[in-house]
Amino acid sequence: MSTTAIRLPEDLKARVAAAAERAGTTSHDFILDAIAEKVDREEQHANFNWIAERRYAQIKASGQTIPWNEMRAYVEGRLAGQAVKRPVARKRAR
């Protein structure tokens, strides 16, 4: 494991220490967990953007999409436990 030094303002250091104590852990472990959470969140955000860009490229290439009202009805039906027909993508109306 490598070592990285960070400089914390005294007030933040005190807040970290208090939060770590409430959480029943050390300041070191608390900081590591916070960094890991932030990295996870950023990776999820980057993955979300990658998926969105890929899907948008597919829409542009095919010209096909599903109208929101149909997709919403499908999702709501599925959430309600209903057997609903999956909507079919088609060319967008101009």
PDB file of N, CA and C in Angstrom:
ATOM      1  N   MET A   1       0.856  -1.171   0.000  1.00  0.00           N
ATOM      2  CA  MET A   1       0.000   0.000   0.000  1.00  0.00           C
ATOM      3  C   MET A   1       0.899   1.230   0.000  1.00  0.00           C
ATOM      4  N   SER A   2       0.597   2.171  -0.879  1.00  0.00           N
ATOM      5  CA  SER A   2       1.404   3.386  -0.948  1.00  0.00           C
ATOM      6  C   SER A   2       0.903   4.418   0.062  1.00  0.00           C
ATOM      7  N   THR A   3       1.705   5.431   0.279  1.00  0.00           N
ATOM      8  CA  THR A   3       1.382   6.487   1.227  1.00  0.00           C
ATOM      9  C   THR A   3       1.192   7.793   0.479  1.00  0.00           C
ATOM     10  N   THR A   4       0.133   8.507   0.845  1.00  0.00           N
ATOM     11  CA  THR A   4      -0.133   9.830   0.300  1.00  0.00           C
ATOM     12  C   THR A   4      -0.404  10.764   1.466  1.00  0.00           C
ATOM     13  N   ALA A   5       0.241  11.897   1.482  1.00  0.00           N
ATOM     14  CA  ALA A   5       0.021  12.883   2.540  1.00  0.00           C
ATOM     15  C   ALA A   5      -1.013  13.894   2.069  1.00  0.00           C
ATOM     16  N   ILE A   6      -1.944  14.207   2.951  1.00  0.00           N
ATOM     17  CA  ILE A   6      -2.910  15.273   2.653  1.00  0.00           C
ATOM     18  C   ILE A   6      -2.886  16.273   3.803  1.00  0.00           C
ATOM     19  N   ARG A   7      -3.091  17.504   3.460  1.00  0.00           N
ATOM     20  CA  ARG A   7      -3.127  18.554   4.477  1.00  0.00           C
ATOM     21  C   ARG A   7      -4.588  18.929   4.699  1.00  0.00           C
ATOM     22  N   LEU A   8      -5.018  18.799   5.934  1.00  0.00           N
ATOM     23  CA  LEU A   8      -6.397  19.135   6.280  1.00  0.00           C
ATOM     24  C   LEU A   8      -6.420  20.388   7.141  1.00  0.00           C
ATOM     25  N   PRO A   9      -7.334  21.293   6.865  1.00  0.00           N
ATOM     26  CA  PRO A   9      -7.513  22.417   7.787  1.00  0.00           C
ATOM     27  C   PRO A   9      -7.898  21.855   9.170  1.00  0.00           C
ATOM     28  N   GLU A  10      -7.500  22.520  10.211  1.00  0.00           N
ATOM     29  CA  GLU A  10      -7.738  22.027  11.573  1.00  0.00           C
ATOM     30  C   GLU A  10      -9.219  21.749  11.837  1.00  0.00           C
ATOM     31  N   ASP A  11     -10.095  22.646  11.358  1.00  0.00           N
ATOM     32  CA  ASP A  11     -11.523  22.441  11.607  1.00  0.00           C
ATOM     33  C   ASP A  11     -12.034  21.174  10.910  1.00  0.00           C
ATOM     34  N   LEU A  12     -11.559  20.904   9.702  1.00  0.00           N
ATOM     35  CA  LEU A  12     -11.975  19.685   9.005  1.00  0.00           C
ATOM     36  C   LEU A  12     -11.405  18.454   9.687  1.00  0.00           C
ATOM     37  N   LYS A  13     -10.177  18.539  10.137  1.00  0.00           N
ATOM     38  CA  LYS A  13      -9.551  17.422  10.841  1.00  0.00           C
ATOM     39  C   LYS A  13     -10.358  17.069  12.094  1.00  0.00           C
ATOM     40  N   ALA A  14     -10.806  18.088  12.816  1.00  0.00           N
ATOM     41  CA  ALA A  14     -11.610  17.864  14.021  1.00  0.00           C
ATOM     42  C   ALA A  14     -12.962  17.241  13.656  1.00  0.00           C
ATOM     43  N   ARG A  15     -13.564  17.713  12.576  1.00  0.00           N
ATOM     44  CA  ARG A  15     -14.853  17.152  12.147  1.00  0.00           C
ATOM     45  C   ARG A  15     -14.700  15.696  11.743  1.00  0.00           C
ATOM     46  N   VAL A  16     -13.608  15.378  11.022  1.00  0.00           N
ATOM     47  CA  VAL A  16     -13.344  13.997  10.619  1.00  0.00           C
ATOM     48  C   VAL A  16     -13.165  13.126  11.853  1.00  0.00           C
ATOM     49  N   ALA A  17     -12.398  13.594  12.810  1.00  0.00           N
ATOM     50  CA  ALA A  17     -12.158  12.824  14.025  1.00  0.00           C
ATOM     51  C   ALA A  17     -13.459  12.552  14.768  1.00  0.00           C
ATOM     52  N   ALA A  18     -14.317  13.565  14.864  1.00  0.00           N
ATOM     53  CA  ALA A  18     -15.595  13.400  15.560  1.00  0.00           C
ATOM     54  C   ALA A  18     -16.505  12.436  14.798  1.00  0.00           C
ATOM     55  N   ALA A  19     -16.552  12.574  13.490  1.00  0.00           N
ATOM     56  CA  ALA A  19     -17.391  11.683  12.680  1.00  0.00           C
ATOM     57  C   ALA A  19     -16.881  10.248  12.742  1.00  0.00           C
ATOM     58  N   ALA A  20     -15.580  10.089  12.719  1.00  0.00           N
ATOM     59  CA  ALA A  20     -14.987   8.750  12.799  1.00  0.00           C
ATOM     60  C   ALA A  20     -15.319   8.111  14.147  1.00  0.00           C
ATOM     61  N   GLU A  21     -15.236   8.895  15.198  1.00  0.00           N
ATOM     62  CA  GLU A  21     -15.556   8.358  16.520  1.00  0.00           C
ATOM     63  C   GLU A  21     -17.018   7.927  16.591  1.00  0.00           C
ATOM     64  N   ARG A  22     -17.919   8.751  16.054  1.00  0.00           N
ATOM     65  CA  ARG A  22     -19.341   8.375  16.031  1.00  0.00           C
ATOM     66  C   ARG A  22     -19.558   7.098  15.239  1.00  0.00           C
ATOM     67  N   ALA A  23     -18.781   6.934  14.153  1.00  0.00           N
ATOM     68  CA  ALA A  23     -18.906   5.759  13.302  1.00  0.00           C
ATOM     69  C   ALA A  23     -18.183   4.547  13.875  1.00  0.00           C
ATOM     70  N   GLY A  24     -17.440   4.753  14.959  1.00  0.00           N
ATOM     71  CA  GLY A  24     -16.728   3.654  15.587  1.00  0.00           C
ATOM     72  C   GLY A  24     -15.522   3.182  14.804  1.00  0.00           C
ATOM     73  N   THR A  25     -14.842   4.115  14.169  1.00  0.00           N
ATOM     74  CA  THR A  25     -13.669   3.772  13.367  1.00  0.00           C
ATOM     75  C   THR A  25     -12.573   4.810  13.594  1.00  0.00           C
ATOM     76  N   THR A  26     -11.461   4.624  12.960  1.00  0.00           N
ATOM     77  CA  THR A  26     -10.371   5.594  13.076  1.00  0.00           C
ATOM     78  C   THR A  26     -10.533   6.684  12.020  1.00  0.00           C
ATOM     79  N   SER A  27      -9.862   7.799  12.232  1.00  0.00           N
ATOM     80  CA  SER A  27      -9.883   8.871  11.232  1.00  0.00           C
ATOM     81  C   SER A  27      -9.312   8.378   9.911  1.00  0.00           C
ATOM     82  N   HIS A  28      -8.258   7.583   9.995  1.00  0.00           N
ATOM     83  CA  HIS A  28      -7.638   7.039   8.788  1.00  0.00           C
ATOM     84  C   HIS A  28      -8.630   6.208   7.979  1.00  0.00           C
ATOM     85  N   ASP A  29      -9.302   5.270   8.638  1.00  0.00           N
ATOM     86  CA  ASP A  29     -10.280   4.430   7.931  1.00  0.00           C
ATOM     87  C   ASP A  29     -11.466   5.245   7.426  1.00  0.00           C
ATOM     88  N   PHE A  30     -11.870   6.238   8.206  1.00  0.00           N
ATOM     89  CA  PHE A  30     -12.974   7.101   7.798  1.00  0.00           C
ATOM     90  C   PHE A  30     -12.626   7.846   6.509  1.00  0.00           C
ATOM     91  N   ILE A  31     -11.405   8.372   6.446  1.00  0.00           N
ATOM     92  CA  ILE A  31     -10.957   9.100   5.254  1.00  0.00           C
ATOM     93  C   ILE A  31     -10.855   8.157   4.062  1.00  0.00           C
ATOM     94  N   LEU A  32     -10.308   6.948   4.282  1.00  0.00           N
ATOM     95  CA  LEU A  32     -10.227   5.973   3.187  1.00  0.00           C
ATOM     96  C   LEU A  32     -11.608   5.631   2.647  1.00  0.00           C
ATOM     97  N   ASP A  33     -12.564   5.420   3.546  1.00  0.00           N
ATOM     98  CA  ASP A  33     -13.936   5.114   3.109  1.00  0.00           C
ATOM     99  C   ASP A  33     -14.538   6.273   2.323  1.00  0.00           C
ATOM    100  N   ALA A  34     -14.283   7.500   2.778  1.00  0.00           N
ATOM    101  CA  ALA A  34     -14.819   8.676   2.085  1.00  0.00           C
ATOM    102  C   ALA A  34     -14.234   8.793   0.682  1.00  0.00           C
ATOM    103  N   ILE A  35     -12.947   8.545   0.564  1.00  0.00           N
ATOM    104  CA  ILE A  35     -12.306   8.600  -0.755  1.00  0.00           C
ATOM    105  C   ILE A  35     -12.873   7.509  -1.660  1.00  0.00           C
ATOM    106  N   ALA A  36     -13.021   6.303  -1.118  1.00  0.00           N
ATOM    107  CA  ALA A  36     -13.561   5.191  -1.911  1.00  0.00           C
ATOM    108  C   ALA A  36     -14.983   5.497  -2.377  1.00  0.00           C
ATOM    109  N   GLU A  37     -15.807   6.079  -1.505  1.00  0.00           N
ATOM    110  CA  GLU A  37     -17.179   6.449  -1.886  1.00  0.00           C
ATOM    111  C   GLU A  37     -17.168   7.469  -3.019  1.00  0.00           C
ATOM    112  N   LYS A  38     -16.315   8.462  -2.918  1.00  0.00           N
ATOM    113  CA  LYS A  38     -16.230   9.507  -3.945  1.00  0.00           C
ATOM    114  C   LYS A  38     -15.774   8.920  -5.278  1.00  0.00           C
ATOM    115  N   VAL A  39     -14.787   8.031  -5.242  1.00  0.00           N
ATOM    116  CA  VAL A  39     -14.300   7.394  -6.468  1.00  0.00           C
ATOM    117  C   VAL A  39     -15.403   6.530  -7.077  1.00  0.00           C
ATOM    118  N   ASP A  40     -16.103   5.755  -6.253  1.00  0.00           N
ATOM    119  CA  ASP A  40     -17.206   4.921  -6.747  1.00  0.00           C
ATOM    120  C   ASP A  40     -18.271   5.774  -7.430  1.00  0.00           C
ATOM    121  N   ARG A  41     -18.628   6.885  -6.784  1.00  0.00           N
ATOM    122  CA  ARG A  41     -19.654   7.771  -7.347  1.00  0.00           C
ATOM    123  C   ARG A  41     -19.216   8.336  -8.694  1.00  0.00           C
ATOM    124  N   GLU A  42     -17.962   8.754  -8.786  1.00  0.00           N
ATOM    125  CA  GLU A  42     -17.448   9.301 -10.043  1.00  0.00           C
ATOM    126  C   GLU A  42     -17.417   8.233 -11.134  1.00  0.00           C
ATOM    127  N   GLU A  43     -17.015   7.009 -10.780  1.00  0.00           N
ATOM    128  CA  GLU A  43     -16.996   5.922 -11.762  1.00  0.00           C
ATOM    129  C   GLU A  43     -18.402   5.594 -12.247  1.00  0.00           C
ATOM    130  N   GLN A  44     -19.378   5.595 -11.339  1.00  0.00           N
ATOM    131  CA  GLN A  44     -20.766   5.355 -11.740  1.00  0.00           C
ATOM    132  C   GLN A  44     -21.259   6.460 -12.666  1.00  0.00           C
ATOM    133  N   HIS A  45     -20.893   7.691 -12.362  1.00  0.00           N
ATOM    134  CA  HIS A  45     -21.290   8.831 -13.196  1.00  0.00           C
ATOM    135  C   HIS A  45     -20.681   8.711 -14.595  1.00  0.00           C
ATOM    136  N   ALA A  46     -19.404   8.367 -14.644  1.00  0.00           N
ATOM    137  CA  ALA A  46     -18.732   8.200 -15.945  1.00  0.00           C
ATOM    138  C   ALA A  46     -19.361   7.061 -16.732  1.00  0.00           C
ATOM    139  N   ASN A  47     -19.697   5.961 -16.058  1.00  0.00           N
ATOM    140  CA  ASN A  47     -20.332   4.829 -16.729  1.00  0.00           C
ATOM    141  C   ASN A  47     -21.727   5.206 -17.239  1.00  0.00           C
ATOM    142  N   PHE A  48     -22.475   5.959 -16.440  1.00  0.00           N
ATOM    143  CA  PHE A  48     -23.796   6.425 -16.857  1.00  0.00           C
ATOM    144  C   PHE A  48     -23.683   7.268 -18.126  1.00  0.00           C
ATOM    145  N   ASN A  49     -22.720   8.191 -18.139  1.00  0.00           N
ATOM    146  CA  ASN A  49     -22.525   9.035 -19.315  1.00  0.00           C
ATOM    147  C   ASN A  49     -22.116   8.209 -20.523  1.00  0.00           C
ATOM    148  N   TRP A  50     -21.253   7.219 -20.338  1.00  0.00           N
ATOM    149  CA  TRP A  50     -20.827   6.356 -21.444  1.00  0.00           C
ATOM    150  C   TRP A  50     -22.023   5.613 -22.026  1.00  0.00           C
ATOM    151  N   ILE A  51     -22.875   5.057 -21.167  1.00  0.00           N
ATOM    152  CA  ILE A  51     -24.063   4.335 -21.631  1.00  0.00           C
ATOM    153  C   ILE A  51     -25.002   5.289 -22.367  1.00  0.00           C
ATOM    154  N   ALA A  52     -25.214   6.471 -21.810  1.00  0.00           N
ATOM    155  CA  ALA A  52     -26.117   7.445 -22.438  1.00  0.00           C
ATOM    156  C   ALA A  52     -25.609   7.855 -23.818  1.00  0.00           C
ATOM    157  N   GLU A  53     -24.315   8.121 -23.936  1.00  0.00           N
ATOM    158  CA  GLU A  53     -23.747   8.507 -25.233  1.00  0.00           C
ATOM    159  C   GLU A  53     -23.869   7.374 -26.248  1.00  0.00           C
ATOM    160  N   ARG A  54     -23.621   6.143 -25.806  1.00  0.00           N
ATOM    161  CA  ARG A  54     -23.731   4.980 -26.693  1.00  0.00           C
ATOM    162  C   ARG A  54     -25.175   4.804 -27.178  1.00  0.00           C
ATOM    163  N   ARG A  55     -26.127   4.954 -26.262  1.00  0.00           N
ATOM    164  CA  ARG A  55     -27.543   4.802 -26.640  1.00  0.00           C
ATOM    165  C   ARG A  55     -27.973   5.921 -27.579  1.00  0.00           C
ATOM    166  N   TYR A  56     -27.519   7.142 -27.306  1.00  0.00           N
ATOM    167  CA  TYR A  56     -27.884   8.249 -28.191  1.00  0.00           C
ATOM    168  C   TYR A  56     -27.305   8.042 -29.587  1.00  0.00           C
ATOM    169  N   ALA A  57     -26.086   7.523 -29.665  1.00  0.00           N
ATOM    170  CA  ALA A  57     -25.481   7.229 -30.972  1.00  0.00           C
ATOM    171  C   ALA A  57     -26.305   6.183 -31.717  1.00  0.00           C
ATOM    172  N   GLN A  58     -26.840   5.198 -30.994  1.00  0.00           N
ATOM    173  CA  GLN A  58     -27.685   4.188 -31.634  1.00  0.00           C
ATOM    174  C   GLN A  58     -28.976   4.816 -32.158  1.00  0.00           C
ATOM    175  N   ILE A  59     -29.540   5.731 -31.394  1.00  0.00           N
ATOM    176  CA  ILE A  59     -30.759   6.414 -31.836  1.00  0.00           C
ATOM    177  C   ILE A  59     -30.478   7.229 -33.091  1.00  0.00           C
ATOM    178  N   LYS A  60     -29.350   7.960 -33.091  1.00  0.00           N
ATOM    179  CA  LYS A  60     -29.009   8.759 -34.262  1.00  0.00           C
ATOM    180  C   LYS A  60     -28.763   7.879 -35.484  1.00  0.00           C
ATOM    181  N   ALA A  61     -28.097   6.749 -35.275  1.00  0.00           N
ATOM    182  CA  ALA A  61     -27.765   5.862 -36.401  1.00  0.00           C
ATOM    183  C   ALA A  61     -29.005   5.190 -36.974  1.00  0.00           C
ATOM    184  N   SER A  62     -29.901   4.755 -36.101  1.00  0.00           N
ATOM    185  CA  SER A  62     -31.071   4.007 -36.576  1.00  0.00           C
ATOM    186  C   SER A  62     -32.267   4.912 -36.850  1.00  0.00           C
ATOM    187  N   GLY A  63     -32.312   6.052 -36.169  1.00  0.00           N
ATOM    188  CA  GLY A  63     -33.467   6.936 -36.296  1.00  0.00           C
ATOM    189  C   GLY A  63     -34.680   6.396 -35.560  1.00  0.00           C
ATOM    190  N   GLN A  64     -34.497   5.319 -34.800  1.00  0.00           N
ATOM    191  CA  GLN A  64     -35.626   4.701 -34.114  1.00  0.00           C
ATOM    192  C   GLN A  64     -35.594   4.992 -32.615  1.00  0.00           C
ATOM    193  N   THR A  65     -36.787   5.180 -32.086  1.00  0.00           N
ATOM    194  CA  THR A  65     -36.926   5.435 -30.653  1.00  0.00           C
ATOM    195  C   THR A  65     -38.326   4.999 -30.225  1.00  0.00           C
ATOM    196  N   ILE A  66     -38.561   5.025 -28.934  1.00  0.00           N
ATOM    197  CA  ILE A  66     -39.871   4.688 -28.377  1.00  0.00           C
ATOM    198  C   ILE A  66     -40.427   5.962 -27.764  1.00  0.00           C
ATOM    199  N   PRO A  67     -41.649   6.348 -28.120  1.00  0.00           N
ATOM    200  CA  PRO A  67     -42.246   7.549 -27.517  1.00  0.00           C
ATOM    201  C   PRO A  67     -42.348   7.398 -25.999  1.00  0.00           C
ATOM    202  N   TRP A  68     -42.118   8.502 -25.292  1.00  0.00           N
ATOM    203  CA  TRP A  68     -42.097   8.471 -23.835  1.00  0.00           C
ATOM    204  C   TRP A  68     -43.398   7.949 -23.246  1.00  0.00           C
ATOM    205  N   ASN A  69     -44.534   8.348 -23.779  1.00  0.00           N
ATOM    206  CA  ASN A  69     -45.800   7.906 -23.202  1.00  0.00           C
ATOM    207  C   ASN A  69     -45.941   6.382 -23.267  1.00  0.00           C
ATOM    208  N   GLU A  70     -45.442   5.764 -24.336  1.00  0.00           N
ATOM    209  CA  GLU A  70     -45.497   4.303 -24.442  1.00  0.00           C
ATOM    210  C   GLU A  70     -44.524   3.643 -23.478  1.00  0.00           C
ATOM    211  N   MET A  71     -43.319   4.186 -23.375  1.00  0.00           N
ATOM    212  CA  MET A  71     -42.336   3.608 -22.470  1.00  0.00           C
ATOM    213  C   MET A  71     -42.776   3.764 -21.021  1.00  0.00           C
ATOM    214  N   ARG A  72     -43.337   4.907 -20.697  1.00  0.00           N
ATOM    215  CA  ARG A  72     -43.810   5.131 -19.328  1.00  0.00           C
ATOM    216  C   ARG A  72     -44.920   4.159 -18.966  1.00  0.00           C
ATOM    217  N   ALA A  73     -45.863   3.967 -19.876  1.00  0.00           N
ATOM    218  CA  ALA A  73     -46.953   3.017 -19.616  1.00  0.00           C
ATOM    219  C   ALA A  73     -46.397   1.610 -19.421  1.00  0.00           C
ATOM    220  N   TYR A  74     -45.389   1.257 -20.206  1.00  0.00           N
ATOM    221  CA  TYR A  74     -44.767  -0.061 -20.094  1.00  0.00           C
ATOM    222  C   TYR A  74     -44.093  -0.216 -18.725  1.00  0.00           C
ATOM    223  N   VAL A  75     -43.304   0.766 -18.330  1.00  0.00           N
ATOM    224  CA  VAL A  75     -42.590   0.693 -17.057  1.00  0.00           C
ATOM    225  C   VAL A  75     -43.572   0.670 -15.889  1.00  0.00           C
ATOM    226  N   GLU A  76     -44.583   1.524 -15.942  1.00  0.00           N
ATOM    227  CA  GLU A  76     -45.571   1.548 -14.862  1.00  0.00           C
ATOM    228  C   GLU A  76     -46.315   0.222 -14.771  1.00  0.00           C
ATOM    229  N   GLY A  77     -46.651  -0.362 -15.923  1.00  0.00           N
ATOM    230  CA  GLY A  77     -47.310  -1.660 -15.921  1.00  0.00           C
ATOM    231  C   GLY A  77     -46.439  -2.744 -15.308  1.00  0.00           C
ATOM    232  N   ARG A  78     -45.164  -2.751 -15.683  1.00  0.00           N
ATOM    233  CA  ARG A  78     -44.223  -3.738 -15.129  1.00  0.00           C
ATOM    234  C   ARG A  78     -44.092  -3.571 -13.619  1.00  0.00           C
ATOM    235  N   LEU A  79     -43.984  -2.308 -13.175  1.00  0.00           N
ATOM    236  CA  LEU A  79     -43.867  -2.056 -11.741  1.00  0.00           C
ATOM    237  C   LEU A  79     -45.113  -2.503 -10.985  1.00  0.00           C
ATOM    238  N   ALA A  80     -46.258  -2.435 -11.648  1.00  0.00           N
ATOM    239  CA  ALA A  80     -47.517  -2.850 -11.027  1.00  0.00           C
ATOM    240  C   ALA A  80     -47.719  -4.367 -11.106  1.00  0.00           C
ATOM    241  N   GLY A  81     -46.767  -5.066 -11.737  1.00  0.00           N
ATOM    242  CA  GLY A  81     -46.868  -6.519 -11.834  1.00  0.00           C
ATOM    243  C   GLY A  81     -47.768  -7.003 -12.951  1.00  0.00           C
ATOM    244  N   GLN A  82     -48.096  -6.133 -13.872  1.00  0.00           N
ATOM    245  CA  GLN A  82     -48.961  -6.500 -14.986  1.00  0.00           C
ATOM    246  C   GLN A  82     -48.147  -7.112 -16.117  1.00  0.00           C
ATOM    247  N   ALA A  83     -48.795  -7.960 -16.888  1.00  0.00           N
ATOM    248  CA  ALA A  83     -48.169  -8.508 -18.096  1.00  0.00           C
ATOM    249  C   ALA A  83     -48.443  -7.504 -19.217  1.00  0.00           C
ATOM    250  N   VAL A  84     -47.461  -6.710 -19.550  1.00  0.00           N
ATOM    251  CA  VAL A  84     -47.634  -5.676 -20.567  1.00  0.00           C
ATOM    252  C   VAL A  84     -46.743  -5.967 -21.762  1.00  0.00           C
ATOM    253  N   LYS A  85     -47.238  -5.579 -22.937  1.00  0.00           N
ATOM    254  CA  LYS A  85     -46.476  -5.786 -24.164  1.00  0.00           C
ATOM    255  C   LYS A  85     -45.348  -4.758 -24.235  1.00  0.00           C
ATOM    256  N   ARG A  86     -44.161  -5.252 -24.567  1.00  0.00           N
ATOM    257  CA  ARG A  86     -42.991  -4.379 -24.678  1.00  0.00           C
ATOM    258  C   ARG A  86     -43.147  -3.466 -25.887  1.00  0.00           C
ATOM    259  N   PRO A  87     -42.929  -2.153 -25.718  1.00  0.00           N
ATOM    260  CA  PRO A  87     -43.072  -1.249 -26.871  1.00  0.00           C
ATOM    261  C   PRO A  87     -41.977  -1.501 -27.909  1.00  0.00           C
ATOM    262  N   VAL A  88     -42.278  -1.172 -29.136  1.00  0.00           N
ATOM    263  CA  VAL A  88     -41.358  -1.403 -30.242  1.00  0.00           C
ATOM    264  C   VAL A  88     -40.815  -0.063 -30.730  1.00  0.00           C
ATOM    265  N   ALA A  89     -39.505  -0.012 -30.927  1.00  0.00           N
ATOM    266  CA  ALA A  89     -38.870   1.213 -31.449  1.00  0.00           C
ATOM    267  C   ALA A  89     -39.267   1.405 -32.894  1.00  0.00           C
ATOM    268  N   ARG A  90     -39.434   2.661 -33.275  1.00  0.00           N
ATOM    269  CA  ARG A  90     -39.775   2.993 -34.667  1.00  0.00           C
ATOM    270  C   ARG A  90     -39.189   4.351 -35.012  1.00  0.00           C
ATOM    271  N   LYS A  91     -39.195   4.669 -36.288  1.00  0.00           N
ATOM    272  CA  LYS A  91     -38.656   5.960 -36.747  1.00  0.00           C
ATOM    273  C   LYS A  91     -39.448   7.083 -36.090  1.00  0.00           C
ATOM    274  N   ARG A  92     -38.715   8.105 -35.715  1.00  0.00           N
ATOM    275  CA  ARG A  92     -39.357   9.264 -35.102  1.00  0.00           C
ATOM    276  C   ARG A  92     -40.158  10.029 -36.127  1.00  0.00           C
ATOM    277  N   ALA A  93     -41.295  10.544 -35.691  1.00  0.00           N
ATOM    278  CA  ALA A  93     -42.127  11.390 -36.555  1.00  0.00           C
ATOM    279  C   ALA A  93     -41.487  12.765 -36.631  1.00  0.00           C
ATOM    280  N   ARG A  94     -41.511  13.353 -37.776  1.00  0.00           N
ATOM    281  CA  ARG A  94     -40.894  14.683 -37.940  1.00  0.00           C
ATOM    282  C   ARG A  94     -41.914  15.746 -37.835  1.00  0.00           C
TER     283      ARG A  94
END
